[in-house]
């Protein structure tokens, strides 16, 4: 009888531990998922995760996965921006790579029929990996045709990581798209009508050891009709 009670007690203890463990795992997963959400009430304007088709230089509209997005490339080395991928490692993503760019380069996306209003806040989030002293930053074109780059940059990390720009905390520099240089001290941008969003690191690439890589990009902001 005593042996049976002990066995029963052990069974209930084990069950209790299993339930607690499952609850803890679920709590951790929920916590991680919640932390991954952008710190903004703005809706998703677009997400781009490049088509899983063979690597190519230059990247073209063919590689854009989202139907209503339009690709734009800029800079002296725009024709050397690559959509890259390797068979190994097995989890290697399909990504934008600047390593073959021997001069300035930048890449943006626009959405057919709409622009985005960042004046009410928003988030730009992407997954990236850098080699060498490369620090990607946001590049935007306003509906009036002027360009700006963020003063803040992504971290310089040799590992794939997700990085978020909280737009309420970003400062901007006007950008000379022909000379490809920031112009600090100019007037602040009117972020109520942003037509294109993308990235650049303002530097040439130098192969795998000195380059920027972008796997995917998400842009959160309030959509506005492209024409009034």
C-alpha atoms as a PDB file:
ATOM      1  CA  UNK A   1       0.000   0.000   0.000  1.00  0.00           C
ATOM      2  CA  UNK A   2       2.797   2.426   0.963  1.00  0.00           C
ATOM      3  CA  UNK A   3       4.671   1.550  -2.249  1.00  0.00           C
ATOM      4  CA  UNK A   4       1.549   2.305  -4.305  1.00  0.00           C
ATOM      5  CA  UNK A   5       1.137   5.696  -2.605  1.00  0.00           C
ATOM      6  CA  UNK A   6       4.765   6.556  -3.287  1.00  0.00           C
ATOM      7  CA  UNK A   7       4.425   5.568  -6.945  1.00  0.00           C
ATOM      8  CA  UNK A   8       1.231   7.594  -7.280  1.00  0.00           C
ATOM      9  CA  UNK A   9       2.861  10.585  -5.622  1.00  0.00           C
ATOM     10  CA  UNK A  10       5.849  10.321  -7.971  1.00  0.00           C
ATOM     11  CA  UNK A  11       3.512  10.142 -10.968  1.00  0.00           C
ATOM     12  CA  UNK A  12       1.680  13.320  -9.938  1.00  0.00           C
ATOM     13  CA  UNK A  13       4.971  15.110  -9.209  1.00  0.00           C
ATOM     14  CA  UNK A  14       6.280  14.227 -12.653  1.00  0.00           C
ATOM     15  CA  UNK A  15       3.040  15.367 -14.297  1.00  0.00           C
ATOM     16  CA  UNK A  16       3.167  18.638 -12.382  1.00  0.00           C
ATOM     17  CA  UNK A  17       6.763  19.224 -13.491  1.00  0.00           C
ATOM     18  CA  UNK A  18       5.878  18.505 -17.117  1.00  0.00           C
ATOM     19  CA  UNK A  19       2.945  20.938 -17.024  1.00  0.00           C
ATOM     20  CA  UNK A  20       5.117  23.643 -15.459  1.00  0.00           C
ATOM     21  CA  UNK A  21       7.855  23.072 -18.042  1.00  0.00           C
ATOM     22  CA  UNK A  22       5.417  23.354 -20.937  1.00  0.00           C
ATOM     23  CA  UNK A  23       3.920  26.515 -19.481  1.00  0.00           C
ATOM     24  CA  UNK A  24       7.392  28.042 -19.089  1.00  0.00           C
ATOM     25  CA  UNK A  25       8.337  27.186 -22.698  1.00  0.00           C
ATOM     26  CA  UNK A  26       5.119  28.740 -23.997  1.00  0.00           C
ATOM     27  CA  UNK A  27       5.704  31.832 -21.889  1.00  0.00           C
ATOM     28  CA  UNK A  28       9.225  32.218 -23.275  1.00  0.00           C
ATOM     29  CA  UNK A  29       8.014  31.765 -26.862  1.00  0.00           C
ATOM     30  CA  UNK A  30       5.259  34.343 -26.309  1.00  0.00           C
ATOM     31  CA  UNK A  31       7.752  36.731 -24.745  1.00  0.00           C
ATOM     32  CA  UNK A  32      10.177  36.403 -27.672  1.00  0.00           C
ATOM     33  CA  UNK A  33       7.396  36.855 -30.220  1.00  0.00           C
ATOM     34  CA  UNK A  34       6.045  39.892 -28.383  1.00  0.00           C
ATOM     35  CA  UNK A  35       9.513  41.439 -28.176  1.00  0.00           C
ATOM     36  CA  UNK A  36       9.926  40.976 -31.922  1.00  0.00           C
ATOM     37  CA  UNK A  37       6.902  43.145 -32.708  1.00  0.00           C
ATOM     38  CA  UNK A  38       7.705  46.710 -33.806  1.00  0.00           C
ATOM     39  CA  UNK A  39       7.273  49.383 -31.149  1.00  0.00           C
ATOM     40  CA  UNK A  40       4.727  51.333 -33.181  1.00  0.00           C
ATOM     41  CA  UNK A  41       1.011  51.253 -33.823  1.00  0.00           C
ATOM     42  CA  UNK A  42       1.627  51.872 -37.534  1.00  0.00           C
ATOM     43  CA  UNK A  43       0.459  49.151 -39.936  1.00  0.00           C
ATOM     44  CA  UNK A  44       2.781  47.176 -42.191  1.00  0.00           C
ATOM     45  CA  UNK A  45       3.257  49.149 -45.419  1.00  0.00           C
ATOM     46  CA  UNK A  46       5.334  46.480 -47.064  1.00  0.00           C
ATOM     47  CA  UNK A  47       7.632  43.528 -46.464  1.00  0.00           C
ATOM     48  CA  UNK A  48      10.118  42.289 -49.036  1.00  0.00           C
ATOM     49  CA  UNK A  49      11.916  38.949 -48.850  1.00  0.00           C
ATOM     50  CA  UNK A  50      13.634  38.385 -52.181  1.00  0.00           C
ATOM     51  CA  UNK A  51      12.594  35.665 -54.609  1.00  0.00           C
ATOM     52  CA  UNK A  52      14.277  32.319 -54.161  1.00  0.00           C
ATOM     53  CA  UNK A  53      15.705  32.191 -57.665  1.00  0.00           C
ATOM     54  CA  UNK A  54      19.380  31.939 -58.727  1.00  0.00           C
ATOM     55  CA  UNK A  55      21.776  34.702 -57.693  1.00  0.00           C
ATOM     56  CA  UNK A  56      22.299  37.477 -60.222  1.00  0.00           C
ATOM     57  CA  UNK A  57      24.162  40.735 -60.792  1.00  0.00           C
ATOM     58  CA  UNK A  58      22.654  43.246 -60.952  1.00  0.00           C
ATOM     59  CA  UNK A  59      19.557  42.658 -58.878  1.00  0.00           C
ATOM     60  CA  UNK A  60      16.497  43.466 -61.012  1.00  0.00           C
ATOM     61  CA  UNK A  61      12.748  43.741 -60.686  1.00  0.00           C
ATOM     62  CA  UNK A  62      12.591  40.004 -61.430  1.00  0.00           C
ATOM     63  CA  UNK A  63      13.999  39.346 -57.953  1.00  0.00           C
ATOM     64  CA  UNK A  64      11.326  41.337 -56.095  1.00  0.00           C
ATOM     65  CA  UNK A  65       8.954  38.917 -54.413  1.00  0.00           C
ATOM     66  CA  UNK A  66       6.055  41.277 -53.618  1.00  0.00           C
ATOM     67  CA  UNK A  67       3.884  42.003 -56.645  1.00  0.00           C
ATOM     68  CA  UNK A  68       3.145  45.710 -56.060  1.00  0.00           C
ATOM     69  CA  UNK A  69       6.697  46.756 -55.102  1.00  0.00           C
ATOM     70  CA  UNK A  70       9.046  48.501 -57.544  1.00  0.00           C
ATOM     71  CA  UNK A  71      12.845  48.274 -57.262  1.00  0.00           C
ATOM     72  CA  UNK A  72      15.062  51.367 -57.616  1.00  0.00           C
ATOM     73  CA  UNK A  73      18.877  51.359 -57.565  1.00  0.00           C
ATOM     74  CA  UNK A  74      21.228  54.344 -57.300  1.00  0.00           C
ATOM     75  CA  UNK A  75      24.911  55.255 -57.340  1.00  0.00           C
ATOM     76  CA  UNK A  76      27.904  54.741 -59.612  1.00  0.00           C
ATOM     77  CA  UNK A  77      27.970  51.024 -58.824  1.00  0.00           C
ATOM     78  CA  UNK A  78      24.220  50.365 -58.952  1.00  0.00           C
ATOM     79  CA  UNK A  79      24.715  47.753 -61.691  1.00  0.00           C
ATOM     80  CA  UNK A  80      26.953  45.764 -59.342  1.00  0.00           C
ATOM     81  CA  UNK A  81      24.375  45.322 -56.563  1.00  0.00           C
ATOM     82  CA  UNK A  82      23.869  41.569 -56.349  1.00  0.00           C
ATOM     83  CA  UNK A  83      20.998  39.353 -55.246  1.00  0.00           C
ATOM     84  CA  UNK A  84      23.071  36.608 -53.688  1.00  0.00           C
ATOM     85  CA  UNK A  85      22.592  33.070 -52.359  1.00  0.00           C
ATOM     86  CA  UNK A  86      24.761  30.017 -51.676  1.00  0.00           C
ATOM     87  CA  UNK A  87      23.779  26.357 -51.575  1.00  0.00           C
ATOM     88  CA  UNK A  88      25.847  26.009 -48.401  1.00  0.00           C
ATOM     89  CA  UNK A  89      25.145  26.537 -45.591  1.00  0.00           C
ATOM     90  CA  UNK A  90      21.699  25.005 -46.028  1.00  0.00           C
ATOM     91  CA  UNK A  91      19.955  27.950 -44.360  1.00  0.00           C
ATOM     92  CA  UNK A  92      21.725  30.632 -46.411  1.00  0.00           C
ATOM     93  CA  UNK A  93      19.079  33.264 -47.291  1.00  0.00           C
ATOM     94  CA  UNK A  94      18.470  35.056 -50.579  1.00  0.00           C
ATOM     95  CA  UNK A  95      19.853  38.530 -49.928  1.00  0.00           C
ATOM     96  CA  UNK A  96      21.123  41.814 -51.321  1.00  0.00           C
ATOM     97  CA  UNK A  97      24.943  42.061 -51.318  1.00  0.00           C
ATOM     98  CA  UNK A  98      27.247  45.039 -51.928  1.00  0.00           C
ATOM     99  CA  UNK A  99      30.574  43.225 -52.154  1.00  0.00           C
ATOM    100  CA  UNK A 100      31.018  43.733 -55.922  1.00  0.00           C
ATOM    101  CA  UNK A 101      30.190  47.461 -55.790  1.00  0.00           C
ATOM    102  CA  UNK A 102      33.380  49.393 -56.577  1.00  0.00           C
ATOM    103  CA  UNK A 103      31.679  52.730 -55.984  1.00  0.00           C
ATOM    104  CA  UNK A 104      28.573  54.252 -54.398  1.00  0.00           C
ATOM    105  CA  UNK A 105      25.375  52.243 -54.299  1.00  0.00           C
ATOM    106  CA  UNK A 106      21.886  52.354 -52.823  1.00  0.00           C
ATOM    107  CA  UNK A 107      18.655  50.409 -53.162  1.00  0.00           C
ATOM    108  CA  UNK A 108      15.051  51.425 -52.445  1.00  0.00           C
ATOM    109  CA  UNK A 109      11.549  50.074 -52.951  1.00  0.00           C
ATOM    110  CA  UNK A 110       8.299  51.897 -53.693  1.00  0.00           C
ATOM    111  CA  UNK A 111       4.738  50.612 -53.547  1.00  0.00           C
ATOM    112  CA  UNK A 112       2.417  51.076 -56.500  1.00  0.00           C
ATOM    113  CA  UNK A 113      -0.430  53.501 -55.816  1.00  0.00           C
ATOM    114  CA  UNK A 114       0.656  54.603 -52.337  1.00  0.00           C
ATOM    115  CA  UNK A 115       3.269  56.545 -50.417  1.00  0.00           C
ATOM    116  CA  UNK A 116       3.826  56.262 -46.667  1.00  0.00           C
ATOM    117  CA  UNK A 117       3.355  58.782 -43.854  1.00  0.00           C
ATOM    118  CA  UNK A 118       6.099  58.534 -41.219  1.00  0.00           C
ATOM    119  CA  UNK A 119       5.167  61.830 -39.535  1.00  0.00           C
ATOM    120  CA  UNK A 120       2.908  59.854 -37.199  1.00  0.00           C
ATOM    121  CA  UNK A 121       5.644  57.393 -36.335  1.00  0.00           C
ATOM    122  CA  UNK A 122       6.682  54.086 -37.798  1.00  0.00           C
ATOM    123  CA  UNK A 123       9.344  51.400 -37.812  1.00  0.00           C
ATOM    124  CA  UNK A 124      11.767  50.106 -40.410  1.00  0.00           C
ATOM    125  CA  UNK A 125      13.090  46.684 -39.549  1.00  0.00           C
ATOM    126  CA  UNK A 126      15.417  44.385 -41.453  1.00  0.00           C
ATOM    127  CA  UNK A 127      17.653  41.344 -41.167  1.00  0.00           C
ATOM    128  CA  UNK A 128      21.255  42.035 -42.104  1.00  0.00           C
ATOM    129  CA  UNK A 129      24.874  40.975 -41.791  1.00  0.00           C
ATOM    130  CA  UNK A 130      27.991  43.063 -42.354  1.00  0.00           C
ATOM    131  CA  UNK A 131      31.671  42.391 -42.994  1.00  0.00           C
ATOM    132  CA  UNK A 132      34.386  44.951 -42.412  1.00  0.00           C
ATOM    133  CA  UNK A 133      33.548  48.491 -41.312  1.00  0.00           C
ATOM    134  CA  UNK A 134      30.143  48.713 -42.964  1.00  0.00           C
ATOM    135  CA  UNK A 135      27.102  50.302 -41.291  1.00  0.00           C
ATOM    136  CA  UNK A 136      23.848  50.257 -43.302  1.00  0.00           C
ATOM    137  CA  UNK A 137      21.441  53.148 -42.845  1.00  0.00           C
ATOM    138  CA  UNK A 138      17.985  54.051 -44.137  1.00  0.00           C
ATOM    139  CA  UNK A 139      17.721  55.793 -47.490  1.00  0.00           C
ATOM    140  CA  UNK A 140      14.425  57.454 -48.499  1.00  0.00           C
ATOM    141  CA  UNK A 141      13.053  59.475 -51.387  1.00  0.00           C
ATOM    142  CA  UNK A 142      10.189  61.854 -50.669  1.00  0.00           C
ATOM    143  CA  UNK A 143       7.267  62.349 -53.037  1.00  0.00           C
ATOM    144  CA  UNK A 144       8.815  65.701 -54.072  1.00  0.00           C
ATOM    145  CA  UNK A 145      11.917  63.872 -55.353  1.00  0.00           C
ATOM    146  CA  UNK A 146      14.343  64.830 -52.574  1.00  0.00           C
ATOM    147  CA  UNK A 147      16.496  62.196 -50.870  1.00  0.00           C
ATOM    148  CA  UNK A 148      17.478  61.746 -47.215  1.00  0.00           C
ATOM    149  CA  UNK A 149      19.538  59.254 -45.232  1.00  0.00           C
ATOM    150  CA  UNK A 150      19.282  58.442 -41.542  1.00  0.00           C
ATOM    151  CA  UNK A 151      22.046  59.645 -39.256  1.00  0.00           C
ATOM    152  CA  UNK A 152      21.618  56.436 -37.254  1.00  0.00           C
ATOM    153  CA  UNK A 153      22.946  53.147 -38.622  1.00  0.00           C
ATOM    154  CA  UNK A 154      22.603  49.432 -38.168  1.00  0.00           C
ATOM    155  CA  UNK A 155      25.204  47.748 -35.961  1.00  0.00           C
ATOM    156  CA  UNK A 156      28.309  46.232 -37.495  1.00  0.00           C
ATOM    157  CA  UNK A 157      27.717  42.518 -36.950  1.00  0.00           C
ATOM    158  CA  UNK A 158      29.252  39.537 -38.705  1.00  0.00           C
ATOM    159  CA  UNK A 159      26.203  37.452 -37.691  1.00  0.00           C
ATOM    160  CA  UNK A 160      22.728  37.646 -39.194  1.00  0.00           C
ATOM    161  CA  UNK A 161      20.591  39.791 -36.913  1.00  0.00           C
ATOM    162  CA  UNK A 162      17.319  41.738 -36.907  1.00  0.00           C
ATOM    163  CA  UNK A 163      17.657  45.502 -36.449  1.00  0.00           C
ATOM    164  CA  UNK A 164      14.856  48.051 -35.958  1.00  0.00           C
ATOM    165  CA  UNK A 165      14.828  51.790 -36.585  1.00  0.00           C
ATOM    166  CA  UNK A 166      12.173  53.534 -34.473  1.00  0.00           C
ATOM    167  CA  UNK A 167      11.380  56.484 -36.695  1.00  0.00           C
ATOM    168  CA  UNK A 168      10.379  58.813 -33.854  1.00  0.00           C
ATOM    169  CA  UNK A 169      14.004  58.536 -32.692  1.00  0.00           C
ATOM    170  CA  UNK A 170      15.687  59.006 -36.089  1.00  0.00           C
ATOM    171  CA  UNK A 171      17.360  62.184 -37.332  1.00  0.00           C
ATOM    172  CA  UNK A 172      17.959  62.768 -41.010  1.00  0.00           C
ATOM    173  CA  UNK A 173      20.447  64.392 -43.363  1.00  0.00           C
ATOM    174  CA  UNK A 174      19.566  65.624 -46.824  1.00  0.00           C
ATOM    175  CA  UNK A 175      21.291  63.489 -49.447  1.00  0.00           C
ATOM    176  CA  UNK A 176      22.890  64.533 -52.720  1.00  0.00           C
ATOM    177  CA  UNK A 177      21.930  61.587 -54.908  1.00  0.00           C
ATOM    178  CA  UNK A 178      24.366  62.597 -57.688  1.00  0.00           C
ATOM    179  CA  UNK A 179      27.464  62.967 -55.504  1.00  0.00           C
ATOM    180  CA  UNK A 180      26.134  60.375 -53.046  1.00  0.00           C
ATOM    181  CA  UNK A 181      27.011  62.381 -49.946  1.00  0.00           C
ATOM    182  CA  UNK A 182      24.904  63.450 -46.925  1.00  0.00           C
ATOM    183  CA  UNK A 183      24.317  67.179 -46.442  1.00  0.00           C
ATOM    184  CA  UNK A 184      24.013  67.703 -42.678  1.00  0.00           C
ATOM    185  CA  UNK A 185      22.350  70.848 -41.401  1.00  0.00           C
ATOM    186  CA  UNK A 186      19.789  71.193 -44.185  1.00  0.00           C
ATOM    187  CA  UNK A 187      16.079  71.475 -43.427  1.00  0.00           C
ATOM    188  CA  UNK A 188      14.342  68.513 -41.828  1.00  0.00           C
ATOM    189  CA  UNK A 189      12.356  66.289 -44.189  1.00  0.00           C
ATOM    190  CA  UNK A 190       8.572  66.337 -44.379  1.00  0.00           C
ATOM    191  CA  UNK A 191       7.957  62.667 -43.660  1.00  0.00           C
ATOM    192  CA  UNK A 192       4.230  62.800 -44.433  1.00  0.00           C
ATOM    193  CA  UNK A 193       4.762  61.585 -48.019  1.00  0.00           C
ATOM    194  CA  UNK A 194       7.672  59.154 -48.423  1.00  0.00           C
ATOM    195  CA  UNK A 195       7.719  57.474 -51.822  1.00  0.00           C
ATOM    196  CA  UNK A 196      10.694  55.079 -51.528  1.00  0.00           C
ATOM    197  CA  UNK A 197      12.387  53.292 -48.638  1.00  0.00           C
ATOM    198  CA  UNK A 198      15.636  51.357 -48.752  1.00  0.00           C
ATOM    199  CA  UNK A 199      19.222  51.307 -47.597  1.00  0.00           C
ATOM    200  CA  UNK A 200      22.867  52.113 -48.310  1.00  0.00           C
ATOM    201  CA  UNK A 201      26.081  52.059 -46.288  1.00  0.00           C
ATOM    202  CA  UNK A 202      27.607  55.004 -48.241  1.00  0.00           C
ATOM    203  CA  UNK A 203      30.705  52.920 -48.978  1.00  0.00           C
ATOM    204  CA  UNK A 204      32.017  50.750 -51.822  1.00  0.00           C
ATOM    205  CA  UNK A 205      32.235  47.026 -51.310  1.00  0.00           C
ATOM    206  CA  UNK A 206      35.408  44.958 -51.386  1.00  0.00           C
ATOM    207  CA  UNK A 207      34.331  41.351 -51.645  1.00  0.00           C
ATOM    208  CA  UNK A 208      33.039  39.097 -48.893  1.00  0.00           C
ATOM    209  CA  UNK A 209      35.285  40.659 -46.246  1.00  0.00           C
ATOM    210  CA  UNK A 210      34.017  44.226 -46.735  1.00  0.00           C
ATOM    211  CA  UNK A 211      30.335  44.394 -47.607  1.00  0.00           C
ATOM    212  CA  UNK A 212      26.730  44.754 -46.465  1.00  0.00           C
ATOM    213  CA  UNK A 213      23.997  42.141 -46.774  1.00  0.00           C
ATOM    214  CA  UNK A 214      20.220  42.494 -46.383  1.00  0.00           C
ATOM    215  CA  UNK A 215      17.968  39.442 -46.174  1.00  0.00           C
ATOM    216  CA  UNK A 216      14.529  41.085 -45.776  1.00  0.00           C
ATOM    217  CA  UNK A 217      12.993  44.454 -44.943  1.00  0.00           C
ATOM    218  CA  UNK A 218       9.719  45.459 -43.254  1.00  0.00           C
ATOM    219  CA  UNK A 219       8.346  49.006 -43.334  1.00  0.00           C
ATOM    220  CA  UNK A 220       5.637  50.085 -40.892  1.00  0.00           C
ATOM    221  CA  UNK A 221       3.867  53.390 -41.528  1.00  0.00           C
ATOM    222  CA  UNK A 222       0.522  54.892 -42.474  1.00  0.00           C
ATOM    223  CA  UNK A 223      -0.261  54.494 -46.193  1.00  0.00           C
ATOM    224  CA  UNK A 224      -1.418  57.521 -48.204  1.00  0.00           C
ATOM    225  CA  UNK A 225      -2.685  57.679 -51.771  1.00  0.00           C
ATOM    226  CA  UNK A 226       0.184  58.425 -54.148  1.00  0.00           C
ATOM    227  CA  UNK A 227      -1.726  61.279 -55.837  1.00  0.00           C
ATOM    228  CA  UNK A 228      -4.014  63.757 -54.156  1.00  0.00           C
END
